[in-house]
Amino acid sequence: MNDYPQSLSAELVSLERKIKLLLNEHSLLKDEITLLKQENETLKVELNSKDEKLDDFQNKIKISKIVGSMVTDGDDTSDLKEIINEYIKEIDKCIVHLGE
C-alpha cells in the first residue's frame, strides 16, 4: 500500500512538469503569432506602397508613349514634352500629398 501513494505522487509531479512545458510552449507560440501578424501587416503596407509606385511608373510610361507618338515639329515636340513633364511633376506632388 505504501507504493501506491508514492507512485501517484510521482505521476502528479510528472504531470505538473508536462503542464508547465505545454504552457511555456503555448506562450512562445502566442508570441510568435503576434510577431508574424506584425510582419504580415508591415509587408501588406510595403506591398501597397510598391503597387502605388508601379502604377505611377506605368502612368509615366503611358504618357511618354503618347508624347513619343505625336507627330509635330521639333520645336513643338520639345515644348510639349516640357509641358507634360511639368504636369507629371505636379501629379507626383499630388500623389505624395494624398499618400500622407
PDB file of N, CA and C in Angstrom:
ATOM      1  N   MET A   1       0.801  -1.188   0.000  1.00  0.00           N
ATOM      2  CA  MET A   1       0.000   0.000   0.000  1.00  0.00           C
ATOM      3  C   MET A   1       0.856   1.270   0.000  1.00  0.00           C
ATOM      4  N   ASN A   2       2.053   1.212   0.538  1.00  0.00           N
ATOM      5  CA  ASN A   2       2.912   2.378   0.584  1.00  0.00           C
ATOM      6  C   ASN A   2       3.363   2.810  -0.802  1.00  0.00           C
ATOM      7  N   ASP A   3       3.521   1.877  -1.727  1.00  0.00           N
ATOM      8  CA  ASP A   3       3.964   2.205  -3.081  1.00  0.00           C
ATOM      9  C   ASP A   3       2.918   3.003  -3.843  1.00  0.00           C
ATOM     10  N   TYR A   4       1.679   2.767  -3.544  1.00  0.00           N
ATOM     11  CA  TYR A   4       0.603   3.446  -4.279  1.00  0.00           C
ATOM     12  C   TYR A   4       0.645   4.962  -4.106  1.00  0.00           C
ATOM     13  N   PRO A   5       0.736   5.505  -2.912  1.00  0.00           N
ATOM     14  CA  PRO A   5       0.808   6.958  -2.774  1.00  0.00           C
ATOM     15  C   PRO A   5       2.068   7.544  -3.406  1.00  0.00           C
ATOM     16  N   GLN A   6       3.210   6.854  -3.319  1.00  0.00           N
ATOM     17  CA  GLN A   6       4.440   7.354  -3.930  1.00  0.00           C
ATOM     18  C   GLN A   6       4.310   7.352  -5.451  1.00  0.00           C
ATOM     19  N   SER A   7       3.719   6.302  -5.994  1.00  0.00           N
ATOM     20  CA  SER A   7       3.528   6.206  -7.441  1.00  0.00           C
ATOM     21  C   SER A   7       2.598   7.307  -7.923  1.00  0.00           C
ATOM     22  N   LEU A   8       1.549   7.541  -7.168  1.00  0.00           N
ATOM     23  CA  LEU A   8       0.599   8.599  -7.508  1.00  0.00           C
ATOM     24  C   LEU A   8       1.274   9.968  -7.413  1.00  0.00           C
ATOM     25  N   SER A   9       2.082  10.161  -6.407  1.00  0.00           N
ATOM     26  CA  SER A   9       2.802  11.416  -6.224  1.00  0.00           C
ATOM     27  C   SER A   9       3.785  11.647  -7.383  1.00  0.00           C
ATOM     28  N   ALA A  10       4.469  10.608  -7.802  1.00  0.00           N
ATOM     29  CA  ALA A  10       5.423  10.712  -8.916  1.00  0.00           C
ATOM     30  C   ALA A  10       4.694  11.045 -10.209  1.00  0.00           C
ATOM     31  N   GLU A  11       3.555  10.430 -10.409  1.00  0.00           N
ATOM     32  CA  GLU A  11       2.769  10.726 -11.612  1.00  0.00           C
ATOM     33  C   GLU A  11       2.263  12.158 -11.590  1.00  0.00           C
ATOM     34  N   LEU A  12       1.878  12.640 -10.424  1.00  0.00           N
ATOM     35  CA  LEU A  12       1.404  14.010 -10.280  1.00  0.00           C
ATOM     36  C   LEU A  12       2.528  15.008 -10.584  1.00  0.00           C
ATOM     37  N   VAL A  13       3.713  14.732 -10.082  1.00  0.00           N
ATOM     38  CA  VAL A  13       4.866  15.594 -10.346  1.00  0.00           C
ATOM     39  C   VAL A  13       5.167  15.593 -11.842  1.00  0.00           C
ATOM     40  N   SER A  14       5.131  14.439 -12.463  1.00  0.00           N
ATOM     41  CA  SER A  14       5.385  14.316 -13.900  1.00  0.00           C
ATOM     42  C   SER A  14       4.332  15.085 -14.701  1.00  0.00           C
ATOM     43  N   LEU A  15       3.098  14.972 -14.286  1.00  0.00           N
ATOM     44  CA  LEU A  15       2.007  15.675 -14.963  1.00  0.00           C
ATOM     45  C   LEU A  15       2.160  17.187 -14.819  1.00  0.00           C
ATOM     46  N   GLU A  16       2.530  17.642 -13.629  1.00  0.00           N
ATOM     47  CA  GLU A  16       2.749  19.075 -13.423  1.00  0.00           C
ATOM     48  C   GLU A  16       3.883  19.587 -14.309  1.00  0.00           C
ATOM     49  N   ARG A  17       4.957  18.809 -14.422  1.00  0.00           N
ATOM     50  CA  ARG A  17       6.088  19.199 -15.267  1.00  0.00           C
ATOM     51  C   ARG A  17       5.649  19.302 -16.724  1.00  0.00           C
ATOM     52  N   LYS A  18       4.877  18.342 -17.184  1.00  0.00           N
ATOM     53  CA  LYS A  18       4.399  18.357 -18.575  1.00  0.00           C
ATOM     54  C   LYS A  18       3.474  19.545 -18.821  1.00  0.00           C
ATOM     55  N   ILE A  19       2.630  19.862 -17.863  1.00  0.00           N
ATOM     56  CA  ILE A  19       1.722  21.010 -17.998  1.00  0.00           C
ATOM     57  C   ILE A  19       2.521  22.306 -18.087  1.00  0.00           C
ATOM     58  N   LYS A  20       3.555  22.438 -17.254  1.00  0.00           N
ATOM     59  CA  LYS A  20       4.403  23.632 -17.309  1.00  0.00           C
ATOM     60  C   LYS A  20       5.087  23.750 -18.667  1.00  0.00           C
ATOM     61  N   LEU A  21       5.579  22.638 -19.181  1.00  0.00           N
ATOM     62  CA  LEU A  21       6.216  22.652 -20.502  1.00  0.00           C
ATOM     63  C   LEU A  21       5.220  23.070 -21.589  1.00  0.00           C
ATOM     64  N   LEU A  22       4.015  22.541 -21.518  1.00  0.00           N
ATOM     65  CA  LEU A  22       2.990  22.891 -22.503  1.00  0.00           C
ATOM     66  C   LEU A  22       2.600  24.363 -22.405  1.00  0.00           C
ATOM     67  N   LEU A  23       2.474  24.869 -21.188  1.00  0.00           N
ATOM     68  CA  LEU A  23       2.140  26.275 -21.002  1.00  0.00           C
ATOM     69  C   LEU A  23       3.252  27.181 -21.544  1.00  0.00           C
ATOM     70  N   ASN A  24       4.487  26.781 -21.309  1.00  0.00           N
ATOM     71  CA  ASN A  24       5.619  27.545 -21.827  1.00  0.00           C
ATOM     72  C   ASN A  24       5.618  27.538 -23.360  1.00  0.00           C
ATOM     73  N   GLU A  25       5.397  26.381 -23.941  1.00  0.00           N
ATOM     74  CA  GLU A  25       5.340  26.288 -25.407  1.00  0.00           C
ATOM     75  C   GLU A  25       4.174  27.101 -25.962  1.00  0.00           C
ATOM     76  N   HIS A  26       3.049  27.070 -25.281  1.00  0.00           N
ATOM     77  CA  HIS A  26       1.881  27.846 -25.692  1.00  0.00           C
ATOM     78  C   HIS A  26       2.202  29.338 -25.693  1.00  0.00           C
ATOM     79  N   SER A  27       2.885  29.784 -24.653  1.00  0.00           N
ATOM     80  CA  SER A  27       3.261  31.189 -24.554  1.00  0.00           C
ATOM     81  C   SER A  27       4.214  31.583 -25.686  1.00  0.00           C
ATOM     82  N   LEU A  28       5.183  30.741 -25.960  1.00  0.00           N
ATOM     83  CA  LEU A  28       6.127  31.006 -27.055  1.00  0.00           C
ATOM     84  C   LEU A  28       5.408  31.080 -28.400  1.00  0.00           C
ATOM     85  N   LEU A  29       4.458  30.189 -28.612  1.00  0.00           N
ATOM     86  CA  LEU A  29       3.714  30.181 -29.873  1.00  0.00           C
ATOM     87  C   LEU A  29       2.831  31.422 -30.002  1.00  0.00           C
ATOM     88  N   LYS A  30       2.247  31.873 -28.904  1.00  0.00           N
ATOM     89  CA  LYS A  30       1.450  33.102 -28.935  1.00  0.00           C
ATOM     90  C   LYS A  30       2.323  34.294 -29.308  1.00  0.00           C
ATOM     91  N   ASP A  31       3.520  34.353 -28.732  1.00  0.00           N
ATOM     92  CA  ASP A  31       4.450  35.435 -29.066  1.00  0.00           C
ATOM     93  C   ASP A  31       4.840  35.385 -30.538  1.00  0.00           C
ATOM     94  N   GLU A  32       5.080  34.194 -31.035  1.00  0.00           N
ATOM     95  CA  GLU A  32       5.444  34.040 -32.450  1.00  0.00           C
ATOM     96  C   GLU A  32       4.298  34.481 -33.363  1.00  0.00           C
ATOM     97  N   ILE A  33       3.085  34.138 -32.995  1.00  0.00           N
ATOM     98  CA  ILE A  33       1.917  34.551 -33.782  1.00  0.00           C
ATOM     99  C   ILE A  33       1.812  36.070 -33.810  1.00  0.00           C
ATOM    100  N   THR A  34       2.030  36.701 -32.672  1.00  0.00           N
ATOM    101  CA  THR A  34       1.982  38.166 -32.606  1.00  0.00           C
ATOM    102  C   THR A  34       3.024  38.783 -33.530  1.00  0.00           C
ATOM    103  N   LEU A  35       4.245  38.261 -33.482  1.00  0.00           N
ATOM    104  CA  LEU A  35       5.305  38.776 -34.353  1.00  0.00           C
ATOM    105  C   LEU A  35       4.971  38.559 -35.826  1.00  0.00           C
ATOM    106  N   LEU A  36       4.436  37.405 -36.154  1.00  0.00           N
ATOM    107  CA  LEU A  36       4.091  37.107 -37.544  1.00  0.00           C
ATOM    108  C   LEU A  36       2.957  38.006 -38.036  1.00  0.00           C
ATOM    109  N   LYS A  37       2.015  38.314 -37.174  1.00  0.00           N
ATOM    110  CA  LYS A  37       0.938  39.232 -37.555  1.00  0.00           C
ATOM    111  C   LYS A  37       1.491  40.626 -37.831  1.00  0.00           C
ATOM    112  N   GLN A  38       2.408  41.071 -36.995  1.00  0.00           N
ATOM    113  CA  GLN A  38       3.029  42.380 -37.204  1.00  0.00           C
ATOM    114  C   GLN A  38       3.807  42.402 -38.517  1.00  0.00           C
ATOM    115  N   GLU A  39       4.565  41.340 -38.763  1.00  0.00           N
ATOM    116  CA  GLU A  39       5.329  41.258 -40.013  1.00  0.00           C
ATOM    117  C   GLU A  39       4.390  41.247 -41.215  1.00  0.00           C
ATOM    118  N   ASN A  40       3.285  40.538 -41.091  1.00  0.00           N
ATOM    119  CA  ASN A  40       2.302  40.470 -42.173  1.00  0.00           C
ATOM    120  C   ASN A  40       1.748  41.854 -42.483  1.00  0.00           C
ATOM    121  N   GLU A  41       1.410  42.611 -41.451  1.00  0.00           N
ATOM    122  CA  GLU A  41       0.883  43.966 -41.654  1.00  0.00           C
ATOM    123  C   GLU A  41       1.936  44.867 -42.309  1.00  0.00           C
ATOM    124  N   THR A  42       3.174  44.749 -41.858  1.00  0.00           N
ATOM    125  CA  THR A  42       4.256  45.536 -42.448  1.00  0.00           C
ATOM    126  C   THR A  42       4.414  45.201 -43.926  1.00  0.00           C
ATOM    127  N   LEU A  43       4.365  43.934 -44.245  1.00  0.00           N
ATOM    128  CA  LEU A  43       4.512  43.510 -45.643  1.00  0.00           C
ATOM    129  C   LEU A  43       3.329  43.977 -46.494  1.00  0.00           C
ATOM    130  N   LYS A  44       2.136  44.000 -45.917  1.00  0.00           N
ATOM    131  CA  LYS A  44       0.969  44.492 -46.652  1.00  0.00           C
ATOM    132  C   LYS A  44       1.130  45.968 -46.991  1.00  0.00           C
ATOM    133  N   VAL A  45       1.606  46.753 -46.018  1.00  0.00           N
ATOM    134  CA  VAL A  45       1.822  48.185 -46.256  1.00  0.00           C
ATOM    135  C   VAL A  45       2.891  48.382 -47.328  1.00  0.00           C
ATOM    136  N   GLU A  46       3.960  47.613 -47.225  1.00  0.00           N
ATOM    137  CA  GLU A  46       5.044  47.712 -48.216  1.00  0.00           C
ATOM    138  C   GLU A  46       4.545  47.326 -49.607  1.00  0.00           C
ATOM    139  N   LEU A  47       3.730  46.282 -49.684  1.00  0.00           N
ATOM    140  CA  LEU A  47       3.187  45.854 -50.976  1.00  0.00           C
ATOM    141  C   LEU A  47       2.298  46.935 -51.577  1.00  0.00           C
ATOM    142  N   ASN A  48       1.453  47.549 -50.764  1.00  0.00           N
ATOM    143  CA  ASN A  48       0.592  48.622 -51.253  1.00  0.00           C
ATOM    144  C   ASN A  48       1.415  49.792 -51.768  1.00  0.00           C
ATOM    145  N   SER A  49       2.481  50.118 -51.055  1.00  0.00           N
ATOM    146  CA  SER A  49       3.362  51.211 -51.479  1.00  0.00           C
ATOM    147  C   SER A  49       4.003  50.885 -52.823  1.00  0.00           C
ATOM    148  N   LYS A  50       4.474  49.678 -52.966  1.00  0.00           N
ATOM    149  CA  LYS A  50       5.110  49.275 -54.227  1.00  0.00           C
ATOM    150  C   LYS A  50       4.093  49.236 -55.370  1.00  0.00           C
ATOM    151  N   ASP A  51       2.862  48.823 -55.071  1.00  0.00           N
ATOM    152  CA  ASP A  51       1.814  48.831 -56.094  1.00  0.00           C
ATOM    153  C   ASP A  51       1.536  50.255 -56.570  1.00  0.00           C
ATOM    154  N   GLU A  52       1.504  51.192 -55.622  1.00  0.00           N
ATOM    155  CA  GLU A  52       1.269  52.593 -55.987  1.00  0.00           C
ATOM    156  C   GLU A  52       2.406  53.119 -56.853  1.00  0.00           C
ATOM    157  N   LYS A  53       3.638  52.793 -56.483  1.00  0.00           N
ATOM    158  CA  LYS A  53       4.790  53.223 -57.279  1.00  0.00           C
ATOM    159  C   LYS A  53       4.745  52.610 -58.675  1.00  0.00           C
ATOM    160  N   LEU A  54       4.360  51.346 -58.750  1.00  0.00           N
ATOM    161  CA  LEU A  54       4.261  50.677 -60.045  1.00  0.00           C
ATOM    162  C   LEU A  54       3.213  51.357 -60.916  1.00  0.00           C
ATOM    163  N   ASP A  55       2.065  51.670 -60.336  1.00  0.00           N
ATOM    164  CA  ASP A  55       1.018  52.373 -61.077  1.00  0.00           C
ATOM    165  C   ASP A  55       1.523  53.726 -61.571  1.00  0.00           C
ATOM    166  N   ASP A  56       2.278  54.417 -60.718  1.00  0.00           N
ATOM    167  CA  ASP A  56       2.833  55.719 -61.090  1.00  0.00           C
ATOM    168  C   ASP A  56       3.786  55.569 -62.275  1.00  0.00           C
ATOM    169  N   PHE A  57       4.659  54.578 -62.208  1.00  0.00           N
ATOM    170  CA  PHE A  57       5.596  54.367 -63.313  1.00  0.00           C
ATOM    171  C   PHE A  57       4.872  53.969 -64.594  1.00  0.00           C
ATOM    172  N   GLN A  58       3.845  53.157 -64.471  1.00  0.00           N
ATOM    173  CA  GLN A  58       3.085  52.757 -65.658  1.00  0.00           C
ATOM    174  C   GLN A  58       2.408  53.966 -66.289  1.00  0.00           C
ATOM    175  N   ASN A  59       1.892  54.869 -65.456  1.00  0.00           N
ATOM    176  CA  ASN A  59       1.285  56.089 -65.997  1.00  0.00           C
ATOM    177  C   ASN A  59       2.324  56.951 -66.700  1.00  0.00           C
ATOM    178  N   LYS A  60       3.516  57.044 -66.130  1.00  0.00           N
ATOM    179  CA  LYS A  60       4.588  57.814 -66.768  1.00  0.00           C
ATOM    180  C   LYS A  60       4.962  57.204 -68.118  1.00  0.00           C
ATOM    181  N   ILE A  61       5.008  55.886 -68.169  1.00  0.00           N
ATOM    182  CA  ILE A  61       5.335  55.209 -69.433  1.00  0.00           C
ATOM    183  C   ILE A  61       4.255  55.491 -70.473  1.00  0.00           C
ATOM    184  N   LYS A  62       2.992  55.424 -70.062  1.00  0.00           N
ATOM    185  CA  LYS A  62       1.899  55.706 -70.999  1.00  0.00           C
ATOM    186  C   LYS A  62       2.002  57.131 -71.537  1.00  0.00           C
ATOM    187  N   ILE A  63       2.282  58.067 -70.638  1.00  0.00           N
ATOM    188  CA  ILE A  63       2.396  59.464 -71.070  1.00  0.00           C
ATOM    189  C   ILE A  63       3.574  59.619 -72.025  1.00  0.00           C
ATOM    190  N   SER A  64       4.685  58.969 -71.712  1.00  0.00           N
ATOM    191  CA  SER A  64       5.860  59.049 -72.590  1.00  0.00           C
ATOM    192  C   SER A  64       5.550  58.474 -73.968  1.00  0.00           C
ATOM    193  N   LYS A  65       4.798  57.392 -74.002  1.00  0.00           N
ATOM    194  CA  LYS A  65       4.428  56.799 -75.295  1.00  0.00           C
ATOM    195  C   LYS A  65       3.522  57.741 -76.081  1.00  0.00           C
ATOM    196  N   ILE A  66       2.609  58.387 -75.372  1.00  0.00           N
ATOM    197  CA  ILE A  66       1.713  59.338 -76.051  1.00  0.00           C
ATOM    198  C   ILE A  66       2.530  60.476 -76.635  1.00  0.00           C
ATOM    199  N   VAL A  67       3.435  61.010 -75.843  1.00  0.00           N
ATOM    200  CA  VAL A  67       4.273  62.110 -76.315  1.00  0.00           C
ATOM    201  C   VAL A  67       5.141  61.645 -77.474  1.00  0.00           C
ATOM    202  N   GLY A  68       5.703  60.469 -77.367  1.00  0.00           N
ATOM    203  CA  GLY A  68       6.572  59.948 -78.421  1.00  0.00           C
ATOM    204  C   GLY A  68       5.837  59.672 -79.710  1.00  0.00           C
ATOM    205  N   SER A  69       4.556  59.350 -79.625  1.00  0.00           N
ATOM    206  CA  SER A  69       3.794  59.011 -80.828  1.00  0.00           C
ATOM    207  C   SER A  69       3.217  60.232 -81.537  1.00  0.00           C
ATOM    208  N   MET A  70       3.266  61.390 -80.898  1.00  0.00           N
ATOM    209  CA  MET A  70       2.725  62.602 -81.511  1.00  0.00           C
ATOM    210  C   MET A  70       3.662  63.074 -82.623  1.00  0.00           C
ATOM    211  N   VAL A  71       3.061  63.409 -83.737  1.00  0.00           N
ATOM    212  CA  VAL A  71       3.839  63.901 -84.867  1.00  0.00           C
ATOM    213  C   VAL A  71       3.685  65.414 -84.921  1.00  0.00           C
ATOM    214  N   THR A  72       4.766  66.092 -84.553  1.00  0.00           N
ATOM    215  CA  THR A  72       4.758  67.551 -84.596  1.00  0.00           C
ATOM    216  C   THR A  72       6.140  68.021 -85.017  1.00  0.00           C
ATOM    217  N   ASP A  73       6.287  69.296 -85.174  1.00  0.00           N
ATOM    218  CA  ASP A  73       7.598  69.859 -85.488  1.00  0.00           C
ATOM    219  C   ASP A  73       8.521  69.676 -84.291  1.00  0.00           C
ATOM    220  N   GLY A  74       9.815  69.795 -84.523  1.00  0.00           N
ATOM    221  CA  GLY A  74      10.805  69.615 -83.472  1.00  0.00           C
ATOM    222  C   GLY A  74      10.607  70.567 -82.319  1.00  0.00           C
ATOM    223  N   ASP A  75      10.332  71.838 -82.615  1.00  0.00           N
ATOM    224  CA  ASP A  75      10.143  72.821 -81.545  1.00  0.00           C
ATOM    225  C   ASP A  75       8.894  72.523 -80.741  1.00  0.00           C
ATOM    226  N   ASP A  76       7.832  72.154 -81.437  1.00  0.00           N
ATOM    227  CA  ASP A  76       6.579  71.843 -80.750  1.00  0.00           C
ATOM    228  C   ASP A  76       6.738  70.627 -79.842  1.00  0.00           C
ATOM    229  N   THR A  77       7.486  69.648 -80.302  1.00  0.00           N
ATOM    230  CA  THR A  77       7.668  68.432 -79.519  1.00  0.00           C
ATOM    231  C   THR A  77       8.399  68.730 -78.216  1.00  0.00           C
ATOM    232  N   SER A  78       9.457  69.497 -78.287  1.00  0.00           N
ATOM    233  CA  SER A  78      10.201  69.794 -77.060  1.00  0.00           C
ATOM    234  C   SER A  78       9.353  70.618 -76.095  1.00  0.00           C
ATOM    235  N   ASP A  79       8.561  71.560 -76.633  1.00  0.00           N
ATOM    236  CA  ASP A  79       7.666  72.337 -75.778  1.00  0.00           C
ATOM    237  C   ASP A  79       6.613  71.436 -75.143  1.00  0.00           C
ATOM    238  N   LEU A  80       6.058  70.538 -75.950  1.00  0.00           N
ATOM    239  CA  LEU A  80       5.041  69.619 -75.463  1.00  0.00           C
ATOM    240  C   LEU A  80       5.619  68.697 -74.388  1.00  0.00           C
ATOM    241  N   LYS A  81       6.816  68.188 -74.622  1.00  0.00           N
ATOM    242  CA  LYS A  81       7.451  67.320 -73.633  1.00  0.00           C
ATOM    243  C   LYS A  81       7.688  68.077 -72.330  1.00  0.00           C
ATOM    244  N   GLU A  82       8.100  69.311 -72.428  1.00  0.00           N
ATOM    245  CA  GLU A  82       8.351  70.117 -71.239  1.00  0.00           C
ATOM    246  C   GLU A  82       7.068  70.341 -70.455  1.00  0.00           C
ATOM    247  N   ILE A  83       5.999  70.646 -71.178  1.00  0.00           N
ATOM    248  CA  ILE A  83       4.704  70.858 -70.522  1.00  0.00           C
ATOM    249  C   ILE A  83       4.236  69.574 -69.832  1.00  0.00           C
ATOM    250  N   ILE A  84       4.358  68.461 -70.536  1.00  0.00           N
ATOM    251  CA  ILE A  84       3.908  67.182 -69.968  1.00  0.00           C
ATOM    252  C   ILE A  84       4.777  66.806 -68.761  1.00  0.00           C
ATOM    253  N   ASN A  85       6.073  67.064 -68.845  1.00  0.00           N
ATOM    254  CA  ASN A  85       6.941  66.785 -67.698  1.00  0.00           C
ATOM    255  C   ASN A  85       6.532  67.615 -66.486  1.00  0.00           C
ATOM    256  N   GLU A  86       6.136  68.845 -66.722  1.00  0.00           N
ATOM    257  CA  GLU A  86       5.656  69.683 -65.618  1.00  0.00           C
ATOM    258  C   GLU A  86       4.371  69.108 -65.028  1.00  0.00           C
ATOM    259  N   TYR A  87       3.479  68.641 -65.904  1.00  0.00           N
ATOM    260  CA  TYR A  87       2.249  68.002 -65.422  1.00  0.00           C
ATOM    261  C   TYR A  87       2.584  66.770 -64.578  1.00  0.00           C
ATOM    262  N   ILE A  88       3.526  65.991 -65.055  1.00  0.00           N
ATOM    263  CA  ILE A  88       3.915  64.776 -64.326  1.00  0.00           C
ATOM    264  C   ILE A  88       4.450  65.144 -62.949  1.00  0.00           C
ATOM    265  N   LYS A  89       5.277  66.161 -62.871  1.00  0.00           N
ATOM    266  CA  LYS A  89       5.814  66.590 -61.572  1.00  0.00           C
ATOM    267  C   LYS A  89       4.689  67.021 -60.640  1.00  0.00           C
ATOM    268  N   GLU A  90       3.720  67.765 -61.180  1.00  0.00           N
ATOM    269  CA  GLU A  90       2.590  68.211 -60.358  1.00  0.00           C
ATOM    270  C   GLU A  90       1.742  67.026 -59.897  1.00  0.00           C
ATOM    271  N   ILE A  91       1.534  66.076 -60.799  1.00  0.00           N
ATOM    272  CA  ILE A  91       0.762  64.872 -60.442  1.00  0.00           C
ATOM    273  C   ILE A  91       1.501  64.101 -59.354  1.00  0.00           C
ATOM    274  N   ASP A  92       2.831  63.962 -59.481  1.00  0.00           N
ATOM    275  CA  ASP A  92       3.617  63.269 -58.465  1.00  0.00           C
ATOM    276  C   ASP A  92       3.479  63.959 -57.114  1.00  0.00           C
ATOM    277  N   LYS A  93       3.509  65.278 -57.086  1.00  0.00           N
ATOM    278  CA  LYS A  93       3.354  66.013 -55.843  1.00  0.00           C
ATOM    279  C   LYS A  93       1.981  65.732 -55.225  1.00  0.00           C
ATOM    280  N   CYS A  94       0.960  65.689 -56.080  1.00  0.00           N
ATOM    281  CA  CYS A  94      -0.394  65.400 -55.590  1.00  0.00           C
ATOM    282  C   CYS A  94      -0.480  64.001 -55.003  1.00  0.00           C
ATOM    283  N   ILE A  95       0.150  63.047 -55.675  1.00  0.00           N
ATOM    284  CA  ILE A  95       0.140  61.667 -55.196  1.00  0.00           C
ATOM    285  C   ILE A  95       0.826  61.567 -53.837  1.00  0.00           C
ATOM    286  N   VAL A  96       1.973  62.237 -53.710  1.00  0.00           N
ATOM    287  CA  VAL A  96       2.686  62.232 -52.425  1.00  0.00           C
ATOM    288  C   VAL A  96       1.812  62.878 -51.353  1.00  0.00           C
ATOM    289  N   HIS A  97       1.180  63.970 -51.701  1.00  0.00           N
ATOM    290  CA  HIS A  97       0.319  64.658 -50.733  1.00  0.00           C
ATOM    291  C   HIS A  97      -0.856  63.775 -50.304  1.00  0.00           C
ATOM    292  N   LEU A  98      -1.441  63.071 -51.246  1.00  0.00           N
ATOM    293  CA  LEU A  98      -2.551  62.177 -50.925  1.00  0.00           C
ATOM    294  C   LEU A  98      -2.085  60.999 -50.083  1.00  0.00           C
ATOM    295  N   GLY A  99      -0.849  60.579 -50.294  1.00  0.00           N
ATOM    296  CA  GLY A  99      -0.310  59.459 -49.538  1.00  0.00           C
ATOM    297  C   GLY A  99      -0.036  59.789 -48.076  1.00  0.00           C
ATOM    298  N   GLU A 100       0.065  61.059 -47.771  1.00  0.00           N
ATOM    299  CA  GLU A 100       0.348  61.482 -46.380  1.00  0.00           C
ATOM    300  C   GLU A 100      -0.858  61.454 -45.554  1.00  0.00           C
TER     301      GLU A 100
END
